Amino acid sequence: MREPRTKRIAYVAALLLVAVGLLFATGVIGGGDDDDVNNNADNYSGTEAEVATLVDDFANAGRDGDGTQVCEEIFAPELTENIEDEAGQSCPSEVQDNLPEDEYELEIDSLDLEDDTATVAVTDQDDNSSVLHIERADAGWHIARVTSAE
């Protein structure tokens, strides 16, 4: 049974707000610094470092305004498709249309790894907390969804 259209749109809009909030608080507009300021991976080793590197890559790609990298390399294909379906445009365009002007950093608060999935609680520079749900696929680790930490 399909959910009513308004309920489905509200759900996807909430998902987009969380994902876009994380992605687009990156400060790429006006900031444009190519330096990687997100270095969470330095605090981990092994598979946990791989996951933390994805989080760093996510924040740094957003900071650099690289919507293509975010959508094609960092997001899982299903998340990219959901964004495109709801936005009515390509994921990279949606990313670039929603970039804010502030610098963005993500700090990992906790990283829980279980087999091919990871749950990573993060806080941005404005103390906004979110949870990244990350999965390993053939091509490596990808963010499958983003939820509010509350």
N, C-alpha and C. Protein backbone atom coordinates (compact mmCIF):
# COMPACT_ATOMS: atom_id res chain seq x y z
N MET A 1 0.84 -1.18 0.00
CA MET A 1 0.00 0.00 0.00
C MET A 1 0.88 1.24 0.00
N ARG A 2 0.59 2.15 -0.87
CA ARG A 2 1.39 3.38 -0.98
C ARG A 2 0.96 4.37 0.08
N GLU A 3 1.94 5.08 0.61
CA GLU A 3 1.64 6.14 1.56
C GLU A 3 0.97 7.28 0.82
N PRO A 4 0.12 8.04 1.50
CA PRO A 4 -0.45 9.21 0.85
C PRO A 4 0.68 10.11 0.35
N ARG A 5 0.44 10.75 -0.79
CA ARG A 5 1.48 11.57 -1.43
C ARG A 5 2.01 12.65 -0.48
N THR A 6 1.16 13.30 0.27
CA THR A 6 1.63 14.37 1.16
C THR A 6 2.51 13.81 2.27
N LYS A 7 2.20 12.63 2.78
CA LYS A 7 3.02 12.02 3.81
C LYS A 7 4.38 11.63 3.25
N ARG A 8 4.38 11.07 2.04
CA ARG A 8 5.63 10.68 1.39
C ARG A 8 6.48 11.91 1.08
N ILE A 9 5.87 12.96 0.59
CA ILE A 9 6.60 14.20 0.30
C ILE A 9 7.17 14.79 1.58
N ALA A 10 6.40 14.77 2.66
CA ALA A 10 6.90 15.30 3.94
C ALA A 10 8.08 14.49 4.44
N TYR A 11 8.01 13.18 4.30
CA TYR A 11 9.11 12.31 4.72
C TYR A 11 10.37 12.61 3.93
N VAL A 12 10.23 12.66 2.62
CA VAL A 12 11.39 12.90 1.77
C VAL A 12 11.92 14.32 1.99
N ALA A 13 11.02 15.27 2.18
CA ALA A 13 11.46 16.64 2.46
C ALA A 13 12.28 16.69 3.74
N ALA A 14 11.82 15.96 4.77
CA ALA A 14 12.58 15.92 6.03
C ALA A 14 13.94 15.27 5.80
N LEU A 15 13.98 14.19 5.03
CA LEU A 15 15.24 13.54 4.71
C LEU A 15 16.16 14.50 3.98
N LEU A 16 15.60 15.21 3.00
CA LEU A 16 16.41 16.17 2.25
C LEU A 16 16.93 17.28 3.13
N LEU A 17 16.08 17.77 4.04
CA LEU A 17 16.53 18.84 4.91
C LEU A 17 17.72 18.42 5.75
N VAL A 18 17.65 17.21 6.29
CA VAL A 18 18.77 16.74 7.10
C VAL A 18 20.00 16.53 6.23
N ALA A 19 19.84 15.85 5.10
CA ALA A 19 20.99 15.60 4.22
C ALA A 19 21.54 16.91 3.66
N VAL A 20 20.62 17.76 3.22
CA VAL A 20 21.05 19.03 2.65
C VAL A 20 21.67 19.91 3.73
N GLY A 21 21.11 19.86 4.93
CA GLY A 21 21.69 20.65 6.02
C GLY A 21 23.13 20.25 6.29
N LEU A 22 23.37 18.97 6.28
CA LEU A 22 24.74 18.51 6.48
C LEU A 22 25.63 18.87 5.30
N LEU A 23 25.12 18.60 4.12
CA LEU A 23 25.92 18.86 2.93
C LEU A 23 26.16 20.33 2.69
N PHE A 24 25.12 21.10 2.88
CA PHE A 24 25.16 22.45 2.38
C PHE A 24 25.52 23.48 3.42
N ALA A 25 25.76 23.05 4.60
CA ALA A 25 26.30 23.97 5.59
C ALA A 25 27.81 23.99 5.46
N THR A 26 28.28 23.61 4.31
CA THR A 26 29.70 23.42 4.09
C THR A 26 30.47 24.70 3.84
N GLY A 27 29.83 25.80 3.63
CA GLY A 27 30.54 27.05 3.45
C GLY A 27 31.30 27.17 2.15
N VAL A 28 30.85 26.51 1.13
CA VAL A 28 31.58 26.55 -0.12
C VAL A 28 31.42 27.91 -0.79
N ILE A 29 30.23 28.46 -0.77
CA ILE A 29 30.03 29.76 -1.39
C ILE A 29 30.75 30.80 -0.57
N GLY A 30 31.60 31.53 -1.21
CA GLY A 30 32.34 32.57 -0.53
C GLY A 30 33.54 32.04 0.24
N GLY A 31 33.56 30.76 0.58
CA GLY A 31 34.68 30.21 1.33
C GLY A 31 35.68 29.57 0.39
N GLY A 32 35.23 28.61 -0.40
CA GLY A 32 35.99 28.01 -1.46
C GLY A 32 37.41 27.59 -1.16
N ASP A 33 37.76 27.36 0.06
CA ASP A 33 39.12 26.96 0.40
C ASP A 33 39.29 25.49 0.10
N ASP A 34 40.35 25.13 -0.59
CA ASP A 34 40.57 23.74 -0.96
C ASP A 34 41.19 22.91 0.16
N ASP A 35 41.60 23.54 1.25
CA ASP A 35 42.22 22.81 2.34
C ASP A 35 41.21 21.89 3.00
N ASP A 36 41.63 20.68 3.30
CA ASP A 36 40.78 19.76 4.03
C ASP A 36 40.86 20.12 5.51
N VAL A 37 39.74 20.55 6.07
CA VAL A 37 39.74 20.92 7.47
C VAL A 37 39.12 19.84 8.34
N ASN A 38 38.54 18.86 7.70
CA ASN A 38 37.90 17.77 8.41
C ASN A 38 38.87 16.59 8.44
N ASN A 39 39.40 16.29 9.62
CA ASN A 39 40.42 15.25 9.74
C ASN A 39 40.07 14.24 10.83
N ASN A 40 38.83 13.81 10.87
CA ASN A 40 38.39 12.83 11.85
C ASN A 40 39.13 11.51 11.72
N ALA A 41 39.49 11.14 10.51
CA ALA A 41 40.12 9.84 10.27
C ALA A 41 41.43 9.68 11.02
N ASP A 42 42.07 10.80 11.36
CA ASP A 42 43.32 10.74 12.12
C ASP A 42 43.15 10.08 13.49
N ASN A 43 41.91 10.04 13.98
CA ASN A 43 41.62 9.50 15.31
C ASN A 43 41.22 8.02 15.29
N TYR A 44 41.26 7.40 14.11
CA TYR A 44 40.80 6.01 13.98
C TYR A 44 41.83 5.20 13.20
N SER A 45 41.65 3.89 13.26
CA SER A 45 42.50 3.00 12.47
C SER A 45 41.63 1.91 11.85
N GLY A 46 42.20 1.22 10.89
CA GLY A 46 41.51 0.10 10.26
C GLY A 46 40.22 0.51 9.57
N THR A 47 39.22 -0.34 9.70
CA THR A 47 37.93 -0.10 9.03
C THR A 47 37.26 1.15 9.56
N GLU A 48 37.42 1.43 10.86
CA GLU A 48 36.84 2.66 11.40
C GLU A 48 37.45 3.89 10.73
N ALA A 49 38.72 3.85 10.41
CA ALA A 49 39.36 4.96 9.70
C ALA A 49 38.78 5.12 8.29
N GLU A 50 38.43 4.02 7.65
CA GLU A 50 37.81 4.09 6.32
C GLU A 50 36.48 4.84 6.40
N VAL A 51 35.69 4.50 7.43
CA VAL A 51 34.39 5.16 7.61
C VAL A 51 34.60 6.63 7.95
N ALA A 52 35.52 6.93 8.84
CA ALA A 52 35.80 8.32 9.21
C ALA A 52 36.32 9.11 8.01
N THR A 53 37.06 8.48 7.14
CA THR A 53 37.54 9.14 5.93
C THR A 53 36.37 9.53 5.03
N LEU A 54 35.36 8.66 4.95
CA LEU A 54 34.17 8.99 4.17
C LEU A 54 33.48 10.23 4.75
N VAL A 55 33.39 10.30 6.07
CA VAL A 55 32.78 11.48 6.70
C VAL A 55 33.59 12.73 6.36
N ASP A 56 34.90 12.63 6.44
CA ASP A 56 35.77 13.76 6.09
C ASP A 56 35.60 14.14 4.61
N ASP A 57 35.57 13.13 3.75
CA ASP A 57 35.40 13.39 2.32
C ASP A 57 34.06 14.09 2.04
N PHE A 58 33.03 13.67 2.74
CA PHE A 58 31.69 14.25 2.61
C PHE A 58 31.73 15.73 2.95
N ALA A 59 32.27 16.06 4.10
CA ALA A 59 32.33 17.46 4.53
C ALA A 59 33.24 18.29 3.62
N ASN A 60 34.38 17.74 3.24
CA ASN A 60 35.31 18.48 2.40
C ASN A 60 34.78 18.68 0.98
N ALA A 61 34.10 17.69 0.43
CA ALA A 61 33.52 17.84 -0.91
C ALA A 61 32.43 18.90 -0.89
N GLY A 62 31.62 18.89 0.14
CA GLY A 62 30.61 19.93 0.26
C GLY A 62 31.23 21.30 0.41
N ARG A 63 32.26 21.37 1.23
CA ARG A 63 32.99 22.63 1.46
C ARG A 63 33.57 23.16 0.15
N ASP A 64 34.02 22.25 -0.73
CA ASP A 64 34.61 22.62 -2.01
C ASP A 64 33.55 22.85 -3.10
N GLY A 65 32.28 22.62 -2.77
CA GLY A 65 31.21 22.79 -3.75
C GLY A 65 31.16 21.71 -4.80
N ASP A 66 31.66 20.54 -4.47
CA ASP A 66 31.73 19.45 -5.43
C ASP A 66 30.51 18.53 -5.28
N GLY A 67 29.38 19.00 -5.79
CA GLY A 67 28.15 18.23 -5.73
C GLY A 67 28.25 16.91 -6.47
N THR A 68 29.02 16.89 -7.53
CA THR A 68 29.20 15.65 -8.29
C THR A 68 29.88 14.59 -7.44
N GLN A 69 30.95 14.98 -6.72
CA GLN A 69 31.62 14.01 -5.86
C GLN A 69 30.69 13.52 -4.76
N VAL A 70 29.94 14.46 -4.14
CA VAL A 70 29.02 14.08 -3.08
C VAL A 70 28.01 13.07 -3.59
N CYS A 71 27.41 13.35 -4.73
CA CYS A 71 26.32 12.51 -5.23
C CYS A 71 26.78 11.22 -5.88
N GLU A 72 27.96 11.25 -6.52
CA GLU A 72 28.40 10.07 -7.25
C GLU A 72 29.35 9.17 -6.46
N GLU A 73 30.08 9.74 -5.52
CA GLU A 73 31.08 8.95 -4.80
C GLU A 73 30.76 8.74 -3.33
N ILE A 74 30.07 9.67 -2.72
CA ILE A 74 29.87 9.62 -1.27
C ILE A 74 28.49 9.08 -0.91
N PHE A 75 27.46 9.57 -1.58
CA PHE A 75 26.12 9.07 -1.32
C PHE A 75 25.93 7.71 -1.98
N ALA A 76 25.14 6.85 -1.34
CA ALA A 76 24.71 5.61 -1.97
C ALA A 76 23.78 5.96 -3.13
N PRO A 77 23.77 5.15 -4.17
CA PRO A 77 22.92 5.45 -5.33
C PRO A 77 21.45 5.69 -4.95
N GLU A 78 20.94 4.95 -3.98
CA GLU A 78 19.54 5.11 -3.58
C GLU A 78 19.28 6.49 -2.98
N LEU A 79 20.22 7.01 -2.20
CA LEU A 79 20.06 8.34 -1.62
C LEU A 79 20.10 9.39 -2.73
N THR A 80 21.02 9.25 -3.65
CA THR A 80 21.10 10.18 -4.79
C THR A 80 19.80 10.17 -5.57
N GLU A 81 19.26 8.99 -5.83
CA GLU A 81 17.99 8.87 -6.56
C GLU A 81 16.85 9.53 -5.80
N ASN A 82 16.78 9.32 -4.48
CA ASN A 82 15.72 9.94 -3.68
C ASN A 82 15.79 11.46 -3.75
N ILE A 83 16.99 12.00 -3.67
CA ILE A 83 17.16 13.45 -3.75
C ILE A 83 16.70 13.95 -5.12
N GLU A 84 17.12 13.26 -6.17
CA GLU A 84 16.73 13.68 -7.52
C GLU A 84 15.23 13.59 -7.73
N ASP A 85 14.61 12.50 -7.24
CA ASP A 85 13.17 12.33 -7.39
C ASP A 85 12.41 13.46 -6.71
N GLU A 86 12.82 13.82 -5.52
CA GLU A 86 12.10 14.85 -4.78
C GLU A 86 12.46 16.26 -5.21
N ALA A 87 13.68 16.47 -5.64
CA ALA A 87 14.11 17.82 -6.04
C ALA A 87 13.68 18.15 -7.47
N GLY A 88 13.48 17.12 -8.29
CA GLY A 88 13.13 17.36 -9.67
C GLY A 88 14.30 17.85 -10.51
N GLN A 89 15.50 17.65 -10.02
CA GLN A 89 16.71 17.99 -10.77
C GLN A 89 17.82 17.05 -10.34
N SER A 90 18.97 17.17 -10.97
CA SER A 90 20.06 16.27 -10.64
C SER A 90 20.53 16.51 -9.21
N CYS A 91 21.05 15.47 -8.59
CA CYS A 91 21.57 15.59 -7.23
C CYS A 91 22.68 16.65 -7.16
N PRO A 92 23.68 16.64 -8.06
CA PRO A 92 24.71 17.68 -7.98
C PRO A 92 24.14 19.09 -8.08
N SER A 93 23.13 19.28 -8.93
CA SER A 93 22.50 20.60 -9.03
C SER A 93 21.81 20.97 -7.74
N GLU A 94 21.13 20.00 -7.15
CA GLU A 94 20.44 20.26 -5.87
C GLU A 94 21.45 20.61 -4.79
N VAL A 95 22.57 19.90 -4.77
CA VAL A 95 23.63 20.20 -3.80
C VAL A 95 24.12 21.63 -4.01
N GLN A 96 24.44 21.98 -5.24
CA GLN A 96 24.98 23.30 -5.52
C GLN A 96 23.96 24.41 -5.30
N ASP A 97 22.68 24.13 -5.52
CA ASP A 97 21.63 25.13 -5.29
C ASP A 97 21.43 25.44 -3.82
N ASN A 98 21.88 24.56 -2.95
CA ASN A 98 21.59 24.71 -1.53
C ASN A 98 22.82 24.94 -0.66
N LEU A 99 23.90 25.33 -1.27
CA LEU A 99 25.11 25.58 -0.48
C LEU A 99 24.97 26.87 0.32
N PRO A 100 25.27 26.83 1.61
CA PRO A 100 25.23 28.05 2.42
C PRO A 100 26.57 28.78 2.33
N GLU A 101 26.67 29.87 3.02
CA GLU A 101 27.87 30.69 2.93
C GLU A 101 28.82 30.49 4.10
N ASP A 102 28.51 29.66 5.05
CA ASP A 102 29.37 29.48 6.24
C ASP A 102 30.34 28.33 6.04
N GLU A 103 31.46 28.39 6.72
CA GLU A 103 32.40 27.27 6.69
C GLU A 103 31.80 26.10 7.43
N TYR A 104 32.16 24.92 7.02
CA TYR A 104 31.54 23.72 7.55
C TYR A 104 32.58 22.73 8.01
N GLU A 105 32.35 22.20 9.17
CA GLU A 105 33.20 21.14 9.70
C GLU A 105 32.29 20.11 10.35
N LEU A 106 32.69 18.86 10.26
CA LEU A 106 31.98 17.78 10.94
C LEU A 106 32.92 17.13 11.93
N GLU A 107 32.45 16.99 13.14
CA GLU A 107 33.21 16.27 14.15
C GLU A 107 32.46 14.99 14.48
N ILE A 108 33.17 13.88 14.45
CA ILE A 108 32.55 12.60 14.80
C ILE A 108 32.45 12.52 16.32
N ASP A 109 31.22 12.33 16.79
CA ASP A 109 30.97 12.16 18.22
C ASP A 109 31.04 10.69 18.62
N SER A 110 30.55 9.83 17.73
CA SER A 110 30.63 8.39 17.98
C SER A 110 30.58 7.67 16.64
N LEU A 111 31.22 6.52 16.61
CA LEU A 111 31.26 5.71 15.40
C LEU A 111 31.05 4.27 15.84
N ASP A 112 29.93 3.70 15.41
CA ASP A 112 29.62 2.31 15.73
C ASP A 112 29.64 1.50 14.45
N LEU A 113 30.50 0.50 14.42
CA LEU A 113 30.70 -0.31 13.24
C LEU A 113 30.22 -1.72 13.51
N GLU A 114 29.41 -2.25 12.58
CA GLU A 114 28.96 -3.64 12.69
C GLU A 114 28.91 -4.23 11.30
N ASP A 115 29.84 -5.12 11.02
CA ASP A 115 29.95 -5.77 9.71
C ASP A 115 30.08 -4.72 8.61
N ASP A 116 29.08 -4.65 7.73
CA ASP A 116 29.13 -3.74 6.59
C ASP A 116 28.29 -2.49 6.77
N THR A 117 27.99 -2.16 8.02
CA THR A 117 27.24 -0.94 8.29
C THR A 117 27.91 -0.16 9.42
N ALA A 118 27.72 1.14 9.37
CA ALA A 118 28.24 2.01 10.42
C ALA A 118 27.21 3.08 10.72
N THR A 119 27.14 3.45 11.97
CA THR A 119 26.30 4.55 12.41
C THR A 119 27.23 5.57 13.03
N VAL A 120 27.23 6.77 12.46
CA VAL A 120 28.18 7.79 12.88
C VAL A 120 27.41 9.04 13.31
N ALA A 121 27.52 9.38 14.59
CA ALA A 121 26.93 10.61 15.10
C ALA A 121 27.93 11.73 14.87
N VAL A 122 27.46 12.82 14.28
CA VAL A 122 28.33 13.95 13.97
C VAL A 122 27.71 15.24 14.48
N THR A 123 28.58 16.22 14.72
CA THR A 123 28.15 17.57 15.09
C THR A 123 28.88 18.54 14.18
N ASP A 124 28.13 19.52 13.65
CA ASP A 124 28.77 20.51 12.79
C ASP A 124 29.24 21.71 13.61
N GLN A 125 29.80 22.69 12.94
CA GLN A 125 30.37 23.85 13.62
C GLN A 125 29.32 24.68 14.36
N ASP A 126 28.05 24.52 14.02
CA ASP A 126 26.97 25.24 14.69
C ASP A 126 26.29 24.39 15.76
N ASP A 127 26.91 23.29 16.15
CA ASP A 127 26.40 22.36 17.15
C ASP A 127 25.12 21.64 16.73
N ASN A 128 24.88 21.52 15.43
CA ASN A 128 23.78 20.72 14.92
C ASN A 128 24.25 19.27 14.85
N SER A 129 23.46 18.38 15.41
CA SER A 129 23.83 16.96 15.45
C SER A 129 22.99 16.15 14.48
N SER A 130 23.63 15.22 13.82
CA SER A 130 22.96 14.31 12.89
C SER A 130 23.61 12.95 12.98
N VAL A 131 22.95 11.98 12.39
CA VAL A 131 23.47 10.62 12.35
C VAL A 131 23.58 10.21 10.88
N LEU A 132 24.77 9.78 10.51
CA LEU A 132 25.02 9.27 9.16
C LEU A 132 24.92 7.75 9.22
N HIS A 133 24.09 7.19 8.37
CA HIS A 133 23.94 5.73 8.28
C HIS A 133 24.74 5.32 7.04
N ILE A 134 25.81 4.61 7.27
CA ILE A 134 26.79 4.32 6.23
C ILE A 134 26.83 2.82 5.97
N GLU A 135 26.93 2.46 4.70
CA GLU A 135 26.96 1.05 4.31
C GLU A 135 28.13 0.79 3.37
N ARG A 136 28.69 -0.41 3.48
CA ARG A 136 29.74 -0.81 2.56
C ARG A 136 29.09 -1.56 1.40
N ALA A 137 29.47 -1.16 0.20
CA ALA A 137 29.01 -1.83 -1.02
C ALA A 137 30.26 -2.23 -1.80
N ASP A 138 30.06 -2.78 -2.97
CA ASP A 138 31.19 -3.22 -3.79
C ASP A 138 32.23 -2.12 -3.99
N ALA A 139 31.76 -0.90 -4.17
CA ALA A 139 32.67 0.21 -4.47
C ALA A 139 33.18 0.92 -3.22
N GLY A 140 32.92 0.39 -2.05
CA GLY A 140 33.39 1.01 -0.81
C GLY A 140 32.25 1.50 0.05
N TRP A 141 32.58 2.39 0.97
CA TRP A 141 31.61 2.93 1.93
C TRP A 141 30.84 4.09 1.31
N HIS A 142 29.52 4.15 1.63
CA HIS A 142 28.66 5.22 1.12
C HIS A 142 27.63 5.61 2.18
N ILE A 143 27.25 6.86 2.19
CA ILE A 143 26.21 7.32 3.08
C ILE A 143 24.87 6.90 2.48
N ALA A 144 24.13 6.09 3.22
CA ALA A 144 22.85 5.59 2.74
C ALA A 144 21.69 6.49 3.15
N ARG A 145 21.82 7.13 4.30
CA ARG A 145 20.80 8.09 4.74
C ARG A 145 21.35 8.92 5.89
N VAL A 146 20.66 10.01 6.11
CA VAL A 146 21.04 10.95 7.16
C VAL A 146 19.79 11.21 7.98
N THR A 147 19.93 11.12 9.30
CA THR A 147 18.80 11.40 10.18
C THR A 147 19.20 12.40 11.25
N SER A 148 18.21 12.98 11.84
CA SER A 148 18.46 13.89 12.95
C SER A 148 18.92 13.08 14.16
N ALA A 149 19.79 13.65 14.96
CA ALA A 149 20.28 12.95 16.14
C ALA A 149 19.28 13.01 17.29
N GLU A 150 18.24 13.77 17.13
CA GLU A 150 17.27 13.94 18.22
C GLU A 150 16.23 12.89 18.26
